[in-house]
Structure formats: structure tokens, C-alpha cells
């Protein structure tokens, strides 16, 4: 990706749209032709269009340089953490087949292994035979 390529891609989006950049901390400017200023301009500079909602995900926010995260550039941050036992339990109660597995074993396994909600759902789908 180059500065021009990013500018062109973002410039081709509608005035009001949602843009998602996943795993932002994995962008390695040393392995692309994109520059820090090119990326900053695309996010927050003259290339950024009003009315556009930009969502950036990261698994390791500590690996993102502070200049990308400053207020005004990133307006809100939310931590979407692993589900707690209560959340896993509610999901289990709603979607598990009766008697397919001991709820306490499922809950402890999910919590101890830090399953994401996607993993909890995947396991419950497998328990129901994919239905």
C-alpha cells in the first residue's frame, strides 16, 4: 500500500460511510510504501472527509504510537474484553441444548481459557449440531 493508494481508496468512499481498519497495531510502515504522514492525513488530515465514521480495532493498543491516538484523531476508545462468567452463563442458558453438557464445566472451561464471545458461540453451535 502506498500513500496514494490509501488516499485513493478512502477518497472513493461515500460522504457518509463507515470505514473499519482492523488490527491497526499491525500496520508496519517499514514494510510498505506508506508513510506516517500519509496514514495520518488519511485518518485525520486534509484527505479525511467529514461525515465519515472511522473505526479502528487493535488487539494491543500499547503497540500503537501515541500520535495516532491523540484526542481529536481518536475520539472514543472502548475495551471489548473477554466475557465474564455471568455473560457466558446467559449465553449458555439461551443457546445450549438441554443436557448436552454440564453448564458448570462449560462455564469454567470458557472462562479459564479466555474464550471470546465468538468462541463461546462457536462451541454452543457445535453442541447443537450446527443448527
N, C-alpha and C. Protein backbone atom coordinates (compact mmCIF):
# COMPACT_ATOMS: atom_id res chain seq x y z
N UNK A 1 0.85 -1.17 0.00
CA UNK A 1 0.00 0.00 0.00
C UNK A 1 0.89 1.23 0.00
N UNK A 2 0.47 2.22 -0.72
CA UNK A 2 1.18 3.50 -0.78
C UNK A 2 0.28 4.60 -0.23
N UNK A 3 0.88 5.76 0.02
CA UNK A 3 0.08 6.92 0.45
C UNK A 3 -0.99 7.23 -0.60
N UNK A 4 -0.59 7.18 -1.86
CA UNK A 4 -1.52 7.47 -2.95
C UNK A 4 -2.65 6.43 -2.98
N UNK A 5 -2.29 5.16 -2.82
CA UNK A 5 -3.30 4.10 -2.85
C UNK A 5 -4.30 4.23 -1.72
N UNK A 6 -3.81 4.56 -0.53
CA UNK A 6 -4.71 4.75 0.61
C UNK A 6 -5.60 5.97 0.38
N UNK A 7 -5.01 7.06 -0.08
CA UNK A 7 -5.78 8.28 -0.35
C UNK A 7 -6.85 8.01 -1.41
N UNK A 8 -6.48 7.27 -2.41
CA UNK A 8 -7.43 6.95 -3.48
C UNK A 8 -8.57 6.06 -2.96
N UNK A 9 -8.20 5.06 -2.16
CA UNK A 9 -9.22 4.15 -1.62
C UNK A 9 -10.19 4.90 -0.72
N UNK A 10 -9.67 5.72 0.18
CA UNK A 10 -10.54 6.46 1.09
C UNK A 10 -11.29 7.57 0.36
N UNK A 11 -10.66 8.17 -0.63
CA UNK A 11 -11.30 9.22 -1.40
C UNK A 11 -12.47 8.72 -2.23
N UNK A 12 -12.49 7.43 -2.49
CA UNK A 12 -13.57 6.84 -3.28
C UNK A 12 -14.76 6.39 -2.45
N UNK A 13 -14.72 6.67 -1.15
CA UNK A 13 -15.84 6.26 -0.29
C UNK A 13 -16.93 7.34 -0.30
N UNK A 14 -18.16 6.94 -0.03
CA UNK A 14 -19.25 7.93 0.04
C UNK A 14 -19.01 8.94 1.16
N UNK A 15 -19.67 10.09 1.07
CA UNK A 15 -19.51 11.14 2.08
C UNK A 15 -19.88 10.65 3.47
N UNK A 16 -20.93 9.88 3.57
CA UNK A 16 -21.34 9.33 4.86
C UNK A 16 -21.19 7.82 4.80
N UNK A 17 -20.18 7.33 5.49
CA UNK A 17 -19.93 5.90 5.46
C UNK A 17 -19.17 5.47 6.70
N UNK A 18 -19.06 4.18 6.86
CA UNK A 18 -18.30 3.57 7.95
C UNK A 18 -17.09 2.88 7.34
N UNK A 19 -15.92 3.22 7.84
CA UNK A 19 -14.68 2.59 7.40
C UNK A 19 -14.07 1.89 8.60
N UNK A 20 -13.67 0.64 8.42
CA UNK A 20 -13.08 -0.13 9.51
C UNK A 20 -11.67 -0.53 9.12
N UNK A 21 -10.73 -0.23 9.99
CA UNK A 21 -9.35 -0.69 9.84
C UNK A 21 -9.09 -1.64 11.00
N UNK A 22 -8.92 -2.91 10.69
CA UNK A 22 -8.71 -3.91 11.74
C UNK A 22 -7.24 -4.10 12.03
N UNK A 23 -6.96 -4.47 13.28
CA UNK A 23 -5.59 -4.77 13.72
C UNK A 23 -4.62 -3.64 13.37
N UNK A 24 -5.01 -2.44 13.74
CA UNK A 24 -4.25 -1.24 13.39
C UNK A 24 -2.81 -1.31 13.86
N UNK A 25 -2.58 -1.94 15.01
CA UNK A 25 -1.23 -2.01 15.56
C UNK A 25 -0.29 -2.86 14.70
N UNK A 26 -0.86 -3.61 13.77
CA UNK A 26 -0.03 -4.46 12.91
C UNK A 26 0.41 -3.77 11.62
N UNK A 27 -0.03 -2.54 11.43
CA UNK A 27 0.43 -1.80 10.25
C UNK A 27 1.92 -1.54 10.42
N UNK A 28 2.70 -2.06 9.52
CA UNK A 28 4.16 -1.92 9.58
C UNK A 28 4.59 -1.00 8.44
N UNK A 29 4.77 0.27 8.77
CA UNK A 29 5.13 1.25 7.74
C UNK A 29 6.48 0.92 7.10
N UNK A 30 7.31 0.17 7.79
CA UNK A 30 8.61 -0.21 7.23
C UNK A 30 8.50 -1.24 6.12
N UNK A 31 7.35 -1.90 6.02
CA UNK A 31 7.17 -2.94 5.01
C UNK A 31 6.24 -2.50 3.88
N UNK A 32 5.88 -1.22 3.85
CA UNK A 32 5.03 -0.71 2.78
C UNK A 32 5.63 0.59 2.27
N UNK A 33 5.03 1.12 1.24
CA UNK A 33 5.44 2.43 0.72
C UNK A 33 4.62 3.54 1.36
N UNK A 34 3.82 3.19 2.35
CA UNK A 34 3.00 4.18 3.03
C UNK A 34 3.85 4.84 4.11
N UNK A 35 3.64 6.14 4.29
CA UNK A 35 4.39 6.88 5.30
C UNK A 35 3.48 7.22 6.48
N UNK A 36 4.11 7.59 7.59
CA UNK A 36 3.36 8.01 8.77
C UNK A 36 2.47 9.21 8.41
N UNK A 37 3.02 10.19 7.71
CA UNK A 37 2.21 11.37 7.38
C UNK A 37 1.08 11.01 6.42
N UNK A 38 1.32 10.08 5.52
CA UNK A 38 0.26 9.65 4.61
C UNK A 38 -0.89 8.98 5.35
N UNK A 39 -0.55 8.15 6.32
CA UNK A 39 -1.57 7.48 7.13
C UNK A 39 -2.31 8.49 8.00
N UNK A 40 -1.57 9.41 8.62
CA UNK A 40 -2.20 10.44 9.45
C UNK A 40 -3.12 11.33 8.61
N UNK A 41 -2.69 11.71 7.42
CA UNK A 41 -3.53 12.53 6.54
C UNK A 41 -4.81 11.80 6.15
N UNK A 42 -4.70 10.50 5.94
CA UNK A 42 -5.88 9.72 5.56
C UNK A 42 -6.87 9.63 6.72
N UNK A 43 -6.34 9.51 7.93
CA UNK A 43 -7.19 9.38 9.11
C UNK A 43 -7.77 10.72 9.54
N UNK A 44 -6.93 11.76 9.53
CA UNK A 44 -7.29 12.98 10.24
C UNK A 44 -6.96 14.26 9.48
N UNK A 45 -6.30 14.16 8.38
CA UNK A 45 -5.82 15.35 7.69
C UNK A 45 -6.73 15.81 6.58
N UNK A 46 -6.16 16.48 5.60
CA UNK A 46 -6.95 17.03 4.51
C UNK A 46 -7.66 15.97 3.67
N UNK A 47 -7.19 14.73 3.74
CA UNK A 47 -7.83 13.67 2.97
C UNK A 47 -9.04 13.07 3.69
N UNK A 48 -9.16 13.36 4.98
CA UNK A 48 -10.28 12.82 5.76
C UNK A 48 -11.54 13.60 5.43
N UNK A 49 -12.62 12.89 5.16
CA UNK A 49 -13.87 13.58 4.82
C UNK A 49 -14.78 13.66 6.04
N UNK A 50 -15.52 14.75 6.12
CA UNK A 50 -16.49 14.92 7.20
C UNK A 50 -17.65 13.96 6.96
N UNK A 51 -18.23 13.49 8.04
CA UNK A 51 -19.36 12.58 7.92
C UNK A 51 -18.96 11.13 7.86
N UNK A 52 -17.69 10.89 7.76
CA UNK A 52 -17.19 9.52 7.70
C UNK A 52 -16.90 9.04 9.12
N UNK A 53 -17.33 7.84 9.44
CA UNK A 53 -17.05 7.25 10.74
C UNK A 53 -15.94 6.22 10.55
N UNK A 54 -14.83 6.44 11.23
CA UNK A 54 -13.69 5.55 11.13
C UNK A 54 -13.58 4.73 12.40
N UNK A 55 -13.60 3.42 12.27
CA UNK A 55 -13.45 2.51 13.40
C UNK A 55 -12.12 1.79 13.22
N UNK A 56 -11.31 1.85 14.25
CA UNK A 56 -10.01 1.18 14.24
C UNK A 56 -10.02 0.14 15.35
N UNK A 57 -9.69 -1.10 15.01
CA UNK A 57 -9.59 -2.12 16.04
C UNK A 57 -8.13 -2.43 16.30
N UNK A 58 -7.86 -2.87 17.51
CA UNK A 58 -6.49 -3.25 17.88
C UNK A 58 -6.56 -4.29 18.99
N UNK A 59 -5.66 -5.23 18.93
CA UNK A 59 -5.55 -6.22 19.99
C UNK A 59 -4.50 -5.82 21.02
N UNK A 60 -3.62 -4.90 20.64
CA UNK A 60 -2.54 -4.45 21.54
C UNK A 60 -2.37 -2.95 21.37
N UNK A 61 -3.22 -2.19 22.05
CA UNK A 61 -3.20 -0.73 21.90
C UNK A 61 -1.86 -0.14 22.32
N UNK A 62 -1.16 -0.81 23.22
CA UNK A 62 0.15 -0.32 23.66
C UNK A 62 1.18 -0.32 22.53
N UNK A 63 0.89 -1.03 21.45
CA UNK A 63 1.81 -1.08 20.31
C UNK A 63 1.51 -0.02 19.26
N UNK A 64 0.58 0.88 19.56
CA UNK A 64 0.24 1.96 18.64
C UNK A 64 0.87 3.25 19.16
N UNK A 65 1.55 3.95 18.29
CA UNK A 65 2.21 5.21 18.67
C UNK A 65 1.18 6.22 19.15
N UNK A 66 1.57 6.99 20.17
CA UNK A 66 0.66 7.97 20.78
C UNK A 66 0.10 8.98 19.79
N UNK A 67 0.89 9.38 18.79
CA UNK A 67 0.41 10.39 17.85
C UNK A 67 -0.79 9.90 17.03
N UNK A 68 -0.98 8.59 16.92
CA UNK A 68 -2.17 8.08 16.25
C UNK A 68 -3.40 8.14 17.16
N UNK A 69 -3.18 8.14 18.47
CA UNK A 69 -4.28 8.01 19.42
C UNK A 69 -4.69 9.32 20.08
N UNK A 70 -4.09 10.42 19.69
CA UNK A 70 -4.37 11.68 20.38
C UNK A 70 -5.85 12.06 20.24
N UNK A 71 -6.38 12.78 21.26
CA UNK A 71 -7.76 13.25 21.19
C UNK A 71 -7.98 14.10 19.94
N UNK A 72 -9.12 13.92 19.33
CA UNK A 72 -9.41 14.61 18.07
C UNK A 72 -9.14 13.71 16.88
N UNK A 73 -8.18 12.86 17.02
CA UNK A 73 -7.90 11.88 15.97
C UNK A 73 -8.68 10.60 16.28
N UNK A 74 -8.58 10.17 17.51
CA UNK A 74 -9.36 9.04 18.02
C UNK A 74 -10.26 9.60 19.11
N UNK A 75 -11.54 9.70 18.84
CA UNK A 75 -12.46 10.36 19.76
C UNK A 75 -12.94 9.47 20.90
N UNK A 76 -13.06 8.20 20.65
CA UNK A 76 -13.56 7.27 21.67
C UNK A 76 -12.73 5.99 21.63
N UNK A 77 -12.54 5.42 22.82
CA UNK A 77 -11.89 4.12 22.92
C UNK A 77 -12.75 3.23 23.82
N UNK A 78 -12.96 2.01 23.38
CA UNK A 78 -13.70 1.03 24.17
C UNK A 78 -12.88 -0.23 24.29
N UNK A 79 -12.88 -0.80 25.46
CA UNK A 79 -12.26 -2.09 25.67
C UNK A 79 -13.35 -3.14 25.55
N UNK A 80 -13.20 -4.02 24.59
CA UNK A 80 -14.11 -5.15 24.45
C UNK A 80 -13.32 -6.36 24.93
N UNK A 81 -13.52 -6.67 26.19
CA UNK A 81 -12.72 -7.69 26.85
C UNK A 81 -13.38 -9.06 26.72
N UNK A 82 -12.73 -10.06 27.29
CA UNK A 82 -13.31 -11.39 27.32
C UNK A 82 -14.58 -11.35 28.18
N UNK A 83 -15.56 -12.18 27.85
CA UNK A 83 -16.79 -12.16 28.64
C UNK A 83 -16.57 -12.67 30.05
N UNK A 84 -17.34 -12.13 30.98
CA UNK A 84 -17.27 -12.61 32.36
C UNK A 84 -18.15 -13.86 32.49
N UNK A 85 -18.09 -14.48 33.67
CA UNK A 85 -18.84 -15.72 33.88
C UNK A 85 -20.34 -15.53 33.71
N UNK A 86 -20.85 -14.40 34.17
CA UNK A 86 -22.28 -14.15 34.05
C UNK A 86 -22.70 -14.08 32.58
N UNK A 87 -21.93 -13.39 31.76
CA UNK A 87 -22.26 -13.26 30.34
C UNK A 87 -22.20 -14.62 29.64
N UNK A 88 -21.18 -15.39 29.95
CA UNK A 88 -21.07 -16.74 29.37
C UNK A 88 -22.26 -17.58 29.81
N UNK A 89 -22.63 -17.47 31.08
CA UNK A 89 -23.77 -18.23 31.60
C UNK A 89 -25.08 -17.88 30.91
N UNK A 90 -25.32 -16.59 30.69
CA UNK A 90 -26.53 -16.16 30.00
C UNK A 90 -26.55 -16.72 28.58
N UNK A 91 -25.43 -16.64 27.90
CA UNK A 91 -25.34 -17.16 26.54
C UNK A 91 -25.60 -18.67 26.54
N UNK A 92 -25.00 -19.37 27.49
CA UNK A 92 -25.21 -20.82 27.60
C UNK A 92 -26.68 -21.14 27.82
N UNK A 93 -27.31 -20.43 28.75
CA UNK A 93 -28.72 -20.69 29.06
C UNK A 93 -29.62 -20.47 27.85
N UNK A 94 -29.30 -19.49 27.04
CA UNK A 94 -30.14 -19.17 25.88
C UNK A 94 -29.94 -20.15 24.73
N UNK A 95 -28.72 -20.61 24.54
CA UNK A 95 -28.42 -21.32 23.29
C UNK A 95 -28.00 -22.77 23.44
N UNK A 96 -27.84 -23.25 24.65
CA UNK A 96 -27.35 -24.63 24.79
C UNK A 96 -28.50 -25.63 24.75
N UNK A 97 -28.22 -26.79 24.18
CA UNK A 97 -29.24 -27.85 24.23
C UNK A 97 -29.32 -28.41 25.65
N UNK A 98 -30.50 -28.74 26.06
CA UNK A 98 -30.68 -29.28 27.42
C UNK A 98 -29.90 -30.57 27.59
N UNK A 99 -29.09 -30.60 28.63
CA UNK A 99 -28.37 -31.81 28.99
C UNK A 99 -27.20 -32.17 28.11
N UNK A 100 -26.87 -31.36 27.13
CA UNK A 100 -25.77 -31.69 26.22
C UNK A 100 -24.43 -31.67 26.93
N UNK A 101 -24.30 -30.77 27.89
CA UNK A 101 -23.05 -30.66 28.63
C UNK A 101 -23.36 -30.01 29.98
N UNK A 102 -22.56 -30.32 30.95
CA UNK A 102 -22.73 -29.72 32.28
C UNK A 102 -22.44 -28.22 32.16
N UNK A 103 -23.41 -27.37 32.52
CA UNK A 103 -23.20 -25.93 32.37
C UNK A 103 -22.00 -25.41 33.16
N UNK A 104 -21.76 -25.98 34.33
CA UNK A 104 -20.64 -25.51 35.15
C UNK A 104 -19.31 -25.82 34.48
N UNK A 105 -19.20 -27.00 33.87
CA UNK A 105 -17.96 -27.38 33.16
C UNK A 105 -17.75 -26.45 31.97
N UNK A 106 -18.82 -26.20 31.21
CA UNK A 106 -18.72 -25.29 30.06
C UNK A 106 -18.27 -23.91 30.51
N UNK A 107 -18.91 -23.40 31.55
CA UNK A 107 -18.61 -22.06 32.05
C UNK A 107 -17.16 -21.96 32.52
N UNK A 108 -16.71 -22.92 33.29
CA UNK A 108 -15.33 -22.89 33.81
C UNK A 108 -14.32 -23.00 32.68
N UNK A 109 -14.60 -23.86 31.70
CA UNK A 109 -13.69 -24.03 30.57
C UNK A 109 -13.59 -22.74 29.76
N UNK A 110 -14.74 -22.15 29.48
CA UNK A 110 -14.77 -20.91 28.69
C UNK A 110 -14.05 -19.78 29.42
N UNK A 111 -14.31 -19.65 30.71
CA UNK A 111 -13.72 -18.55 31.48
C UNK A 111 -12.22 -18.76 31.68
N UNK A 112 -11.82 -19.96 32.04
CA UNK A 112 -10.40 -20.25 32.30
C UNK A 112 -9.54 -20.09 31.05
N UNK A 113 -10.12 -20.41 29.90
CA UNK A 113 -9.36 -20.33 28.64
C UNK A 113 -9.57 -19.02 27.90
N UNK A 114 -10.26 -18.07 28.56
CA UNK A 114 -10.49 -16.74 28.00
C UNK A 114 -11.07 -16.81 26.58
N UNK A 115 -12.18 -17.53 26.48
CA UNK A 115 -12.86 -17.60 25.19
C UNK A 115 -13.49 -16.25 24.88
N UNK A 116 -13.38 -15.84 23.64
CA UNK A 116 -14.11 -14.66 23.18
C UNK A 116 -15.59 -15.04 23.04
N UNK A 117 -16.45 -14.05 22.86
CA UNK A 117 -17.87 -14.36 22.64
C UNK A 117 -18.03 -15.17 21.36
N UNK A 118 -17.21 -14.90 20.36
CA UNK A 118 -17.28 -15.68 19.12
C UNK A 118 -16.97 -17.15 19.39
N UNK A 119 -15.98 -17.41 20.23
CA UNK A 119 -15.62 -18.79 20.58
C UNK A 119 -16.73 -19.44 21.39
N UNK A 120 -17.33 -18.72 22.33
CA UNK A 120 -18.45 -19.25 23.11
C UNK A 120 -19.58 -19.65 22.16
N UNK A 121 -19.92 -18.77 21.24
CA UNK A 121 -20.98 -19.06 20.28
C UNK A 121 -20.62 -20.26 19.40
N UNK A 122 -19.38 -20.31 18.95
CA UNK A 122 -18.93 -21.43 18.12
C UNK A 122 -19.10 -22.75 18.86
N UNK A 123 -18.68 -22.79 20.11
CA UNK A 123 -18.80 -24.02 20.90
C UNK A 123 -20.26 -24.41 21.10
N UNK A 124 -21.12 -23.43 21.34
CA UNK A 124 -22.54 -23.73 21.52
C UNK A 124 -23.17 -24.22 20.22
N UNK A 125 -22.76 -23.66 19.11
CA UNK A 125 -23.25 -24.14 17.81
C UNK A 125 -22.84 -25.58 17.59
N UNK A 126 -21.61 -25.90 17.95
CA UNK A 126 -21.14 -27.28 17.80
C UNK A 126 -21.94 -28.23 18.70
N UNK A 127 -22.29 -27.77 19.89
CA UNK A 127 -23.08 -28.60 20.80
C UNK A 127 -24.48 -28.88 20.27
N UNK A 128 -25.01 -27.93 19.50
CA UNK A 128 -26.37 -28.10 18.96
C UNK A 128 -26.36 -28.78 17.60
N UNK A 129 -25.20 -29.19 17.16
CA UNK A 129 -25.11 -29.86 15.86
C UNK A 129 -25.16 -28.90 14.70
N UNK A 130 -24.84 -27.64 14.97
CA UNK A 130 -24.79 -26.64 13.89
C UNK A 130 -26.12 -26.06 13.52
N UNK A 131 -27.16 -26.31 14.29
CA UNK A 131 -28.49 -25.79 13.96
C UNK A 131 -28.74 -24.47 14.64
